Protein backbone atom coordinates (compact mmCIF):
# COMPACT_ATOMS: atom_id res chain seq x y z
CA PRO A 1 -33.79 20.79 -90.64
CA ASP A 2 -30.05 21.31 -91.30
CA ILE A 3 -29.91 24.09 -88.79
CA ASN A 4 -31.75 22.01 -86.14
CA ARG A 5 -29.50 18.97 -86.85
CA ARG A 6 -26.47 21.21 -86.40
CA LYS A 7 -27.73 22.75 -83.15
CA TYR A 8 -28.46 19.20 -81.95
CA THR A 9 -24.99 18.00 -82.74
CA GLU A 10 -23.48 20.84 -80.92
CA MET A 11 -25.63 20.31 -77.93
CA VAL A 12 -24.66 16.62 -77.85
CA MET A 13 -20.98 17.40 -78.41
CA ALA A 14 -21.06 19.91 -75.49
CA SER A 15 -22.66 17.43 -73.18
CA TYR A 16 -20.08 14.75 -74.17
CA LEU A 17 -17.24 17.28 -73.75
CA SER A 18 -18.53 18.27 -70.27
CA GLU A 19 -18.85 14.76 -69.11
CA LYS A 20 -15.35 13.94 -70.41
CA THR A 21 -13.97 17.00 -68.68
CA ILE A 22 -15.50 15.75 -65.26
CA MET A 23 -14.33 12.26 -65.80
CA THR A 24 -10.80 13.38 -66.70
CA ARG A 25 -10.63 15.55 -63.64
CA ARG A 26 -11.70 12.61 -61.57
CA ARG A 27 -9.05 10.50 -63.12
CA ARG A 28 -6.46 13.11 -62.66
CA LYS A 29 -7.23 13.61 -59.01
CA ASN A 30 -7.11 9.76 -58.40
CA ASN A 31 -3.83 9.53 -60.31
CA ILE A 32 -2.34 12.50 -58.26
CA ASN A 33 -3.46 10.81 -55.05
CA SER A 34 -1.92 7.44 -56.16
CA TYR A 35 1.19 9.18 -57.18
CA GLN A 36 1.61 10.88 -53.77
CA HIS A 37 0.91 7.57 -52.11
CA SER A 38 3.59 5.73 -54.16
CA GLN A 39 6.01 8.41 -53.36
CA HIS A 40 5.32 7.99 -49.74
CA GLN A 41 5.72 4.29 -49.89
CA GLN A 42 8.87 4.78 -52.04
CA GLN A 43 10.42 6.93 -49.11
CA ARG A 44 9.56 4.35 -46.50
CA HIS A 45 11.47 1.62 -48.36
CA ASN A 46 14.49 3.88 -48.68
CA ARG A 47 13.97 4.48 -52.39
CA THR A 48 14.87 0.90 -53.33
CA LYS A 49 12.24 0.52 -55.93
CA CYS A 50 11.39 2.72 -58.79
CA SER A 51 7.93 2.95 -60.54
CA TYR A 52 8.06 3.84 -64.22
CA SER A 53 4.25 4.52 -64.56
CA LEU A 54 3.59 8.17 -64.88
CA PRO A 55 0.44 9.63 -63.49
CA HIS A 56 -2.24 11.17 -65.68
CA LYS A 57 -1.00 14.78 -65.20
CA TYR A 58 2.24 13.92 -66.79
CA HIS A 59 0.54 12.80 -70.14
CA PHE A 60 2.13 15.00 -72.88
CA THR A 61 1.14 16.15 -76.33
CA SER A 62 4.44 17.37 -77.72
CA ILE A 63 7.34 15.18 -78.90
CA PRO A 64 10.07 17.38 -77.30
CA THR A 65 8.36 17.22 -73.97
CA ILE A 66 8.08 13.45 -74.30
CA LEU A 67 11.84 13.31 -75.03
CA SER A 68 12.87 15.60 -72.13
CA THR A 69 10.62 13.50 -69.82
CA ILE A 70 12.32 10.12 -70.85
CA LEU A 71 15.71 11.72 -70.37
CA LEU A 72 14.81 12.89 -66.87
CA LEU A 73 13.31 9.58 -65.96
CA ALA A 74 16.53 7.86 -67.12
CA ILE A 75 18.58 10.28 -64.92
CA ASN A 76 16.36 9.51 -61.85
CA THR A 77 16.48 5.87 -62.62
CA LEU A 78 20.31 5.80 -62.61
CA ALA A 79 20.33 7.79 -59.32
CA LEU A 80 18.08 5.25 -57.65
CA VAL A 81 19.96 2.18 -58.86
CA PRO A 82 23.13 1.32 -56.64
CA SER A 83 26.45 1.62 -58.28
CA PRO A 84 27.91 -1.74 -59.74
CA GLN A 85 30.94 -1.00 -57.47
CA PHE A 86 28.89 -1.13 -54.36
CA PRO A 87 26.34 -3.97 -54.68
CA SER A 88 24.55 -5.33 -51.63
CA SER A 89 27.81 -5.22 -49.65
CA TYR A 90 27.49 -1.45 -49.29
CA SER A 91 25.37 -1.56 -46.24
CA SER A 92 27.61 -4.18 -44.54
CA LEU A 93 30.61 -1.87 -45.32
CA SER A 94 28.90 1.04 -43.60
CA SER A 95 28.05 -1.09 -40.61
CA SER A 96 31.70 -2.20 -40.34
CA LEU A 97 32.95 1.23 -40.49
CA LYS A 98 30.49 2.24 -37.71
CA SER A 99 31.44 -0.68 -35.61
CA SER A 100 35.15 0.22 -35.77
CA SER A 101 34.40 3.32 -33.85
CA PRO A 102 34.61 3.24 -30.09
CA VAL A 103 31.35 5.16 -29.65
CA THR A 104 29.15 2.94 -31.69
CA THR A 105 25.58 3.15 -30.26
CA GLU A 106 23.38 3.68 -33.38
CA SER A 107 22.20 0.12 -33.50
CA ASN A 108 20.95 0.37 -29.92
CA GLN A 109 19.34 3.62 -30.43
CA ASN A 110 17.49 2.62 -33.64
CA ASN A 111 16.48 -1.02 -32.81
CA GLY A 112 16.08 -1.20 -29.00
CA GLN A 113 14.62 0.62 -26.13
CA PHE A 114 15.06 -0.17 -22.55
CA VAL A 115 12.43 0.92 -20.10
CA VAL A 116 12.93 0.91 -16.35
CA ILE A 117 9.89 0.88 -13.83
CA GLY A 118 11.74 1.91 -10.78
CA LYS A 119 11.17 3.17 -7.36
CA ILE A 120 12.04 6.81 -6.51
CA ILE A 121 13.10 7.70 -3.04
CA VAL A 122 14.62 11.04 -1.90
CA ASP A 123 18.06 10.61 -0.03
CA GLU A 124 19.09 13.10 2.41
CA TYR A 125 22.60 12.61 3.96
CA GLY A 126 23.37 13.71 7.43
CA GLN A 127 23.75 12.60 11.15
CA PRO A 128 20.29 12.54 12.79
CA SER A 129 19.77 14.57 15.70
CA PRO A 130 18.47 13.18 19.05
CA PRO A 131 14.85 13.65 19.79
CA ASP A 132 13.60 16.51 21.80
CA ASP A 133 12.38 15.92 25.36
CA ASN A 134 9.04 17.45 24.32
CA ASP A 135 8.62 14.90 21.57
CA ASP A 136 6.50 11.81 22.58
CA GLU A 137 7.28 8.25 21.42
CA THR A 138 5.14 8.41 18.38
CA SER A 139 6.81 11.59 17.03
CA THR A 140 8.68 11.16 13.75
CA THR A 141 12.29 12.21 13.45
CA LYS A 142 12.89 15.04 11.10
CA SER A 143 15.82 15.43 8.86
CA THR A 144 18.76 17.62 9.88
CA SER A 145 20.48 17.56 6.39
CA THR A 146 21.11 20.89 4.78
CA THR A 147 22.65 19.66 1.69
CA VAL A 148 20.88 19.25 -1.61
CA PRO A 149 18.99 15.83 -1.64
CA THR A 150 19.82 13.19 -4.17
CA VAL A 151 17.15 11.13 -5.90
CA GLY A 152 17.72 7.34 -5.31
CA GLY A 153 15.40 4.53 -4.48
CA GLY A 154 16.69 2.06 -7.12
CA GLY A 155 15.03 3.53 -10.16
CA PRO A 156 17.76 6.18 -11.09
CA GLN A 157 20.50 3.61 -10.20
CA ALA A 158 18.95 1.10 -12.42
CA ALA A 159 18.59 3.54 -15.42
CA TRP A 160 22.12 4.64 -15.03
CA GLY A 161 23.52 1.12 -14.82
CA ALA A 162 21.66 0.04 -17.96
CA ALA A 163 22.98 2.99 -19.74
CA ALA A 164 26.39 2.37 -18.67
CA ALA A 165 26.38 -1.23 -19.54
CA LEU A 166 25.38 -0.40 -23.12
CA SER A 167 28.02 2.31 -23.34
CA ALA A 168 30.72 0.10 -21.96
CA LEU A 169 29.77 -2.76 -24.31
CA SER A 170 30.20 -0.45 -27.19
CA LEU A 171 33.83 0.09 -26.00
CA LEU A 172 34.48 -3.57 -25.56
CA GLN A 173 33.20 -4.52 -28.95
CA SER A 174 35.00 -1.65 -30.84
CA THR A 175 38.11 -2.77 -32.88
CA SER A 176 39.95 0.43 -32.43
CA ARG A 177 41.48 1.53 -29.20
CA THR A 178 42.23 5.33 -28.96
CA SER A 179 42.50 7.85 -26.26
CA SER A 180 40.47 10.37 -28.16
CA TYR A 181 36.65 10.16 -28.86
CA ASN A 182 34.31 11.76 -31.28
CA THR A 183 32.22 13.34 -28.42
CA PRO A 184 33.27 15.06 -25.15
CA LYS A 185 30.99 12.59 -23.25
CA PRO A 186 29.68 9.10 -24.08
CA PRO A 187 26.57 9.23 -26.26
CA PRO A 188 23.29 8.85 -24.27
CA GLN A 189 21.68 5.49 -24.53
CA PRO A 190 18.05 4.43 -25.30
CA ILE A 191 16.97 4.26 -21.63
CA THR A 192 13.72 5.54 -20.12
CA LEU A 193 12.90 5.70 -16.36
CA ILE A 194 9.24 5.87 -15.27
CA GLY A 195 8.44 6.27 -11.58
CA ALA A 196 5.93 7.65 -9.08
CA VAL A 197 6.35 10.74 -6.97
CA GLY A 198 4.17 12.53 -4.43
CA SER A 199 2.91 15.94 -5.31
CA LEU A 200 2.91 17.25 -1.74
CA ASP A 201 6.71 17.50 -1.39
CA TRP A 202 8.16 16.96 -4.87
CA THR A 203 9.50 20.26 -6.31
CA THR A 204 10.99 21.01 -9.63
CA HIS A 205 13.84 23.13 -8.59
CA ARG A 206 15.19 20.58 -6.10
CA GLU A 207 14.15 17.01 -6.71
CA THR A 208 13.56 17.08 -10.43
CA GLN A 209 16.69 18.94 -11.19
CA SER A 210 18.73 16.55 -9.06
CA LEU A 211 17.28 13.74 -11.02
CA LEU A 212 18.02 15.42 -14.32
CA ASN A 213 21.52 16.22 -13.23
CA THR A 214 22.01 12.41 -12.62
CA LEU A 215 20.43 10.96 -15.77
CA ASP A 216 20.28 13.81 -18.39
CA ASN A 217 23.62 12.80 -20.10
CA ALA A 218 23.13 9.02 -19.78
CA CYS A 219 19.48 8.60 -21.10
CA LEU A 220 18.16 9.82 -24.52
CA GLN A 221 14.66 10.43 -22.90
CA PRO A 222 14.04 12.24 -19.79
CA PRO A 223 12.47 10.54 -16.77
CA ILE A 224 8.69 10.17 -16.84
CA LEU A 225 7.44 11.11 -13.42
CA ILE A 226 3.87 10.06 -12.48
CA SER A 227 2.63 12.62 -9.90
CA LYS A 228 0.03 11.50 -7.48
CA ASP A 229 -1.99 14.01 -5.45
CA ASP A 230 -2.20 13.98 -1.60
CA HIS A 231 0.91 11.91 -1.38
CA VAL A 232 4.51 12.39 -0.36
CA THR A 233 7.56 11.00 -2.02
CA PRO A 234 9.38 8.49 0.09
CA ARG A 235 12.22 10.20 1.93
CA ILE A 236 14.97 8.62 3.98
CA GLN A 237 18.05 9.98 5.77
CA LEU A 238 21.37 8.20 5.42
CA TRP A 239 24.52 8.46 7.30
CA HIS A 240 27.59 6.26 8.14
CA ASP A 241 28.26 4.99 11.51
CA GLU A 242 31.53 4.68 13.40
CA GLU A 243 32.31 1.50 11.47
CA GLN A 244 31.41 3.23 8.12
CA ASN A 245 28.38 1.14 7.75
CA ILE A 246 25.44 2.88 6.06
CA GLN A 247 22.51 3.41 8.33
CA TRP A 248 19.12 4.91 7.47
CA PHE A 249 15.58 5.64 8.69
CA ALA A 250 12.41 6.82 6.99
CA LEU A 251 11.33 10.48 7.40
CA ASN A 252 7.86 11.51 8.31
CA ASP A 253 5.24 9.10 6.85
CA SER A 254 7.45 8.09 3.88
CA PHE A 255 6.27 4.40 3.91
CA GLY A 256 2.84 4.86 5.20
CA VAL A 257 -0.44 5.23 3.42
CA ARG A 258 0.40 8.71 2.36
CA GLY A 259 3.84 7.60 1.28
CA ALA A 260 5.21 4.53 -0.48
CA ASP A 261 2.42 2.31 0.55
CA GLY A 262 -0.21 4.31 -1.23
CA LEU A 263 2.05 5.61 -3.87
CA TRP A 264 3.41 2.33 -5.19
CA LYS A 265 0.06 0.66 -5.13
CA ASP A 266 -1.23 1.76 -8.37
CA THR A 267 1.42 4.12 -9.80
CA PRO A 268 2.77 3.80 -12.47
CA SER A 269 -0.47 2.08 -13.49
CA VAL A 270 -0.97 -0.43 -16.28
CA THR A 271 -2.19 2.41 -18.57
CA ASP A 272 0.96 4.57 -17.82
CA VAL A 273 3.21 1.75 -18.81
CA PHE A 274 1.18 0.77 -21.83
CA ASN A 275 1.12 4.35 -23.07
CA LEU A 276 4.91 4.50 -22.72
CA LEU A 277 5.53 1.30 -24.59
CA ALA A 278 3.23 2.49 -27.38
CA LYS A 279 5.73 5.13 -28.20
CA PHE A 280 8.38 2.49 -29.15
CA GLU A 281 5.99 0.30 -31.11
CA GLU A 282 8.65 -0.21 -34.01
CA LYS A 283 11.41 -0.98 -31.67
CA GLU A 284 12.55 -4.02 -29.71
CA VAL A 285 11.67 -3.18 -26.17
CA ALA A 286 13.13 -4.57 -22.92
CA LEU A 287 11.38 -4.03 -19.63
CA HIS A 288 12.96 -3.97 -16.19
CA CYS A 289 11.01 -3.59 -12.97
CA ILE A 290 11.89 -3.43 -9.34
CA VAL A 291 9.26 -5.39 -7.32
CA GLU A 292 8.56 -5.36 -3.66
CA GLY A 293 8.56 -9.04 -2.72
CA GLY A 294 7.86 -9.33 0.98
CA VAL A 295 4.53 -10.02 2.61
CA HIS A 296 4.28 -6.56 3.97
CA GLY A 297 6.14 -4.80 1.09
CA ALA A 298 5.16 -1.22 0.32
CA GLY A 299 2.46 -0.90 -2.16
CA ALA A 300 0.58 -4.21 -1.27
CA GLY A 301 1.77 -5.91 -4.32
CA GLY A 302 0.41 -3.37 -6.71
CA ASP A 303 3.76 -2.80 -8.39
CA VAL A 304 3.55 -6.19 -10.04
CA LEU A 305 0.28 -5.55 -11.90
CA PRO A 306 1.89 -4.19 -15.06
CA LEU A 307 3.93 -7.47 -15.36
CA LEU A 308 0.78 -9.46 -15.43
CA ASP A 309 -0.93 -7.44 -18.08
CA GLU A 310 -1.28 -9.28 -21.45
CA SER A 311 -1.18 -6.01 -23.49
CA ILE A 312 2.09 -5.07 -22.01
CA LEU A 313 3.83 -8.45 -22.08
CA LYS A 314 2.88 -8.75 -25.84
CA ARG A 315 4.82 -5.55 -26.47
CA ILE A 316 8.21 -6.66 -25.06
CA SER A 317 10.83 -9.05 -26.09
CA PHE A 318 12.64 -9.31 -22.77
CA LEU A 319 11.51 -8.79 -18.98
CA SER A 320 13.88 -8.35 -16.09
CA VAL A 321 12.53 -8.40 -12.58
CA GLU A 322 14.60 -7.34 -9.50
CA PRO A 323 12.65 -8.58 -6.46
CA VAL A 324 13.35 -6.78 -3.20
CA THR A 325 12.98 -8.18 0.33
CA PHE A 326 14.67 -7.13 3.63
CA PRO A 327 16.39 -9.80 5.62
CA GLN A 328 15.75 -10.16 9.38
CA LYS A 329 18.13 -8.14 11.64
CA ASP A 330 18.90 -10.91 13.95
CA THR A 331 19.69 -13.69 11.46
CA ASN A 332 20.44 -11.44 8.33
CA LEU A 333 18.25 -14.17 6.43
CA VAL A 334 15.02 -13.60 4.56
CA SER A 335 12.05 -15.13 6.44
CA VAL A 336 10.42 -18.22 5.00
CA GLU A 337 7.09 -16.23 4.79
CA ASP A 338 8.58 -13.50 2.68
CA ALA A 339 10.53 -15.90 0.46
CA THR A 340 7.48 -18.01 -0.26
CA HIS A 341 5.35 -14.95 -0.91
CA CYS A 342 7.96 -13.51 -3.27
CA ALA A 343 8.30 -16.74 -5.10
CA ALA A 344 4.54 -16.89 -5.61
CA LYS A 345 4.73 -13.39 -7.17
CA LEU A 346 7.47 -14.39 -9.54
CA GLN A 347 5.69 -17.60 -10.54
CA ASP A 348 2.60 -15.51 -11.47
CA ILE A 349 4.75 -13.43 -13.73
CA VAL A 350 6.30 -16.64 -15.33
CA ASN A 351 2.79 -18.03 -16.02
CA ALA A 352 1.47 -14.80 -17.54
CA ALA A 353 4.75 -14.45 -19.74
CA ARG A 354 4.51 -17.98 -20.94
CA THR A 355 1.13 -17.20 -22.56
CA SER A 356 1.83 -13.63 -23.75
CA MET A 357 5.46 -13.68 -24.54
CA LYS A 358 5.47 -16.94 -26.29
CA TYR A 359 4.71 -15.64 -29.74
CA TYR A 360 7.68 -13.28 -29.80
CA ARG A 361 9.96 -15.96 -27.96
CA GLY A 362 10.37 -13.53 -25.15
CA LYS A 363 12.68 -14.18 -22.05
CA ILE A 364 12.70 -13.34 -18.37
CA ALA A 365 15.63 -12.69 -16.12
CA PHE A 366 15.47 -12.48 -12.36
CA SER A 367 18.02 -10.66 -10.20
CA PRO A 368 17.52 -11.50 -6.51
CA ASP A 369 20.21 -11.24 -3.90
CA ARG A 370 21.80 -14.14 -2.38
CA GLN A 371 19.73 -14.05 0.93
CA LEU A 372 16.51 -14.05 -1.08
CA PHE A 373 17.73 -16.70 -3.62
CA GLU A 374 18.84 -19.21 -0.95
CA SER A 375 15.56 -18.84 0.88
CA PHE A 376 13.44 -19.52 -2.20
CA PRO A 377 11.78 -23.01 -2.13
CA LEU A 378 13.79 -25.24 -4.46
CA SER A 379 10.49 -26.24 -6.14
CA PHE A 380 10.04 -22.68 -7.35
CA VAL A 381 13.57 -22.40 -8.84
CA GLN A 382 13.10 -25.65 -10.68
CA SER A 383 9.54 -24.93 -11.90
CA ALA A 384 10.47 -21.20 -12.85
CA SER A 385 13.60 -22.44 -14.61
CA SER A 386 11.83 -24.97 -16.86
CA ASP A 387 9.09 -24.68 -19.38
CA GLU A 388 5.86 -26.76 -19.73
CA ASP A 389 8.00 -29.44 -21.35
CA GLY A 390 10.65 -29.49 -18.48
CA LEU A 391 13.27 -27.61 -20.42
CA SER A 392 16.17 -25.95 -18.60
CA PRO A 393 17.10 -22.22 -18.83
CA SER A 394 19.77 -23.22 -21.35
CA SER A 395 17.20 -24.37 -23.72
CA SER A 396 15.88 -21.77 -26.32
CA SER A 397 12.29 -22.87 -25.61
CA SER A 398 12.53 -22.00 -21.84
CA ILE A 399 10.82 -18.72 -20.91
CA VAL A 400 13.22 -18.09 -18.01
CA ASP A 401 16.50 -16.81 -19.40
CA SER A 402 18.51 -16.90 -16.19
CA PHE A 403 18.88 -16.02 -12.43
CA ALA A 404 21.60 -13.38 -11.93
CA VAL A 405 22.00 -13.56 -8.14
CA ARG A 406 23.65 -10.53 -6.39
CA ASP A 407 26.08 -11.42 -3.69
CA GLY A 408 27.66 -8.13 -2.52
CA PRO A 409 31.26 -8.09 -1.90
CA ASN A 410 31.49 -11.71 -3.10
CA GLY A 411 30.54 -10.70 -6.57
CA SER A 412 27.57 -12.71 -8.21
CA PHE A 413 26.74 -15.97 -9.71
CA ILE A 414 24.28 -17.60 -12.28
CA PRO A 415 22.76 -20.72 -11.14
CA HIS A 416 22.09 -23.50 -13.74
CA ILE A 417 19.70 -26.40 -13.22
CA THR A 418 21.43 -29.64 -14.14
CA THR A 419 20.22 -33.19 -13.93
CA THR A 420 22.33 -35.66 -11.94
CA THR A 421 22.79 -39.18 -13.45
CA ASN A 422 22.34 -41.02 -9.94
CA ASN A 423 18.83 -40.00 -8.96
CA ASN A 424 17.80 -37.97 -12.03
CA SER A 425 17.05 -35.08 -9.79
CA ASN A 426 17.56 -31.28 -10.56
CA THR A 427 20.22 -29.63 -8.59
CA PRO A 428 21.49 -25.99 -9.21
CA THR A 429 25.12 -25.41 -10.03
CA ARG A 430 26.75 -21.97 -9.98
CA LEU A 431 28.70 -20.02 -12.51
CA GLN A 432 30.76 -17.67 -10.24
CA ILE A 433 31.75 -14.04 -11.04
CA PRO A 434 34.08 -12.48 -8.51
CA ALA A 435 33.87 -8.97 -7.39
CA ALA A 436 36.09 -6.37 -8.97
CA LYS A 437 38.73 -4.75 -6.98
CA LEU A 438 37.82 -1.17 -6.01
CA ILE A 439 40.30 1.61 -6.77
CA THR A 440 39.43 3.59 -3.68
CA PRO A 441 42.05 4.61 -1.12
CA ASN A 442 41.46 1.70 1.31
CA ALA A 443 39.85 -0.57 -1.41
CA GLN A 444 36.58 -0.42 0.44
CA PRO A 445 33.21 0.86 -1.06
CA ILE A 446 32.68 4.58 -0.54
CA ASN A 447 28.88 4.23 -0.92
CA PRO A 448 27.45 0.85 -1.95
CA THR A 449 23.89 2.12 -1.96
CA GLY A 450 22.23 1.25 -5.45
CA ALA A 451 25.09 -0.91 -6.70
CA GLY A 452 22.77 -3.91 -6.65
CA ASN A 453 20.05 -2.13 -8.61
CA ALA A 454 22.67 -0.85 -11.11
CA TYR A 455 23.99 -4.44 -11.46
CA ALA A 456 20.47 -5.90 -12.07
CA ALA A 457 19.70 -3.44 -14.85
CA ALA A 458 23.03 -3.55 -16.40
CA TYR A 459 22.85 -7.34 -16.62
CA ALA A 460 19.51 -7.07 -18.29
CA ALA A 461 20.45 -4.40 -20.71
CA ALA A 462 23.50 -6.23 -21.88
CA ARG A 463 21.61 -9.56 -22.11
CA SER A 464 18.75 -8.18 -24.02
CA LEU A 465 19.72 -5.17 -26.16
CA GLY A 466 23.44 -5.98 -26.07
CA HIS A 467 22.77 -9.56 -26.98
CA CYS A 468 25.56 -10.78 -24.85
CA SER A 469 26.04 -14.24 -23.30
CA GLN A 470 25.09 -14.72 -19.61
CA TYR A 471 28.67 -14.68 -18.49
CA LYS A 472 29.63 -11.57 -20.40
CA ALA A 473 26.54 -9.67 -19.37
CA ALA A 474 27.47 -10.60 -15.74
CA CYS A 475 31.15 -9.43 -16.05
CA ILE A 476 29.89 -6.05 -17.40
CA ALA A 477 27.22 -5.76 -14.73
CA THR A 478 29.97 -6.47 -12.11
CA GLY A 479 32.00 -3.67 -13.50
CA VAL A 480 29.01 -1.23 -13.37
CA GLY A 481 28.35 -2.31 -9.67
CA ALA A 482 31.97 -1.67 -8.86
CA VAL A 483 32.09 1.70 -10.31
CA VAL A 484 28.89 2.74 -8.40
CA CYS A 485 30.65 1.75 -5.18
CA GLU A 486 33.52 4.09 -5.88
CA TYR A 487 31.58 7.26 -5.65
CA ASN A 488 29.46 9.02 -3.05
CA HIS A 489 26.58 9.16 -5.65
CA LEU A 490 26.14 7.90 -9.00
CA PRO A 491 29.33 8.29 -11.09
CA PRO A 492 29.62 11.07 -13.64
CA TRP A 493 28.83 10.19 -17.29
CA GLU A 494 32.31 10.49 -18.56
CA TRP A 495 34.61 8.37 -20.90
CA SER A 496 36.88 7.57 -18.03
CA VAL A 497 34.18 5.93 -15.99
CA MET A 498 33.22 3.88 -19.01
CA GLU A 499 36.89 2.68 -19.53
CA ARG A 500 37.01 1.82 -15.70
CA ILE A 501 33.87 -0.35 -16.29
CA CYS A 502 35.58 -2.19 -19.12
CA ASP A 503 38.71 -2.75 -17.08
CA ALA A 504 36.72 -4.12 -14.10
CA ALA A 505 34.78 -6.36 -16.59
CA ARG A 506 38.12 -7.73 -18.17
CA GLU A 507 39.53 -8.20 -14.58
CA VAL A 508 36.67 -10.36 -13.47
CA SER A 509 36.46 -12.30 -16.59
CA ASP A 510 39.86 -14.08 -15.77
CA GLY A 511 41.22 -13.00 -19.21
CA ARG A 512 38.72 -14.90 -21.13
CA ARG A 513 38.53 -13.69 -24.78
CA CYS A 514 34.71 -13.60 -24.74
CA MET A 515 34.88 -10.14 -23.23
CA GLU A 516 36.20 -8.85 -26.47
């Protein structure tokens, strides 16, 4: 009986030890996973907290091991706790040191992203040749240009203008003035251009390389080109007439069904824009879009669809729209039909944004040219510039931030809706920003093409990511537009160009200290 009892006891103990071993291993595995998870959380919170609980695998049986562990834990704790000489003001001290540098751009790169949905058109420069006698009336004039084409259309100019505005703003906000910089070129800015191209004529070694040469140094992210099969990229030929006015005409079927009319109808699509914004989920995103506003505008109104999508509007904190219409040649005015159609488009955007952007207190800015703005129905300007409660754009509750109206050689102006005391009606008043003096040989623009596109995006970037006042943003945008006019193509990405933008912005600000 004693032998059997002893065997029974050994069997029970073996079973108990086996079960205990299994449970111990399970606890150890869970503790290790918990420890790894806590370490991951600790890194995400910049090691600001320290957990003193040890996982199961660090339970010890010897006193020397325990003492050494306590000593190691004390050393790690001291390393994690900030020094008494640098309390919570340490982060502000680092920020102040960074802000004293004339190349401060880290805040924009880490906290914000500016996305441009732009049109892409290939520009070929050269005097057109007269049509051959064998050509019929329906034949299309072909290009006679032998130079490397440049990529324009508004999208590249807008992306460059937004990047230049943020870079110039860093110079204006810097406390130190020095002729030497930390980098040979201005740092690239958090700008992303997305646009549509046709696969039939777009080549990597010509058009893509030309676009990269223009924006590679200015933008952190390379352009996102959405290619569409069986379509051609819009292509125009430009030249200067005897009076140095820019003339142009479309090549081939650039604005037909195979060109811009079919290309811009659904490209970039809502899905394309949504997938791009998803990459910047943890950043403050501002969206700028060039929209065809006329009744017969290319794309049949499809370019406005991403701006009406709820999933896209919920992801952005600032929306900027540059509506484009062409005035009539005989009167140089936008027709009532086109202005009414464009106003209806913009009103749809406002209505959609009031619902989707309301939670994030988002804002909208419009940048039409003067001909279009003055052709808008006054009822649209008043309704778009006030919220459901009739609040004006100056109110923090209004969804429309401002109208920044481009006026060519006359500069720009920002209309404000004010209420008169006599008849209690809303009338627009203007905050005028003059044009900057050009430093060209005859003080005339060398090539103003794209200056308006650069102005509109520069204003939006300074207003959104730069958090500038309307007046300061308009002055910086005026400087950007002036610099674009002083070059044959987009200006080079150099410090001297950024300094030139700052000088032009100070000039048009009339010496007001708000530019600093």
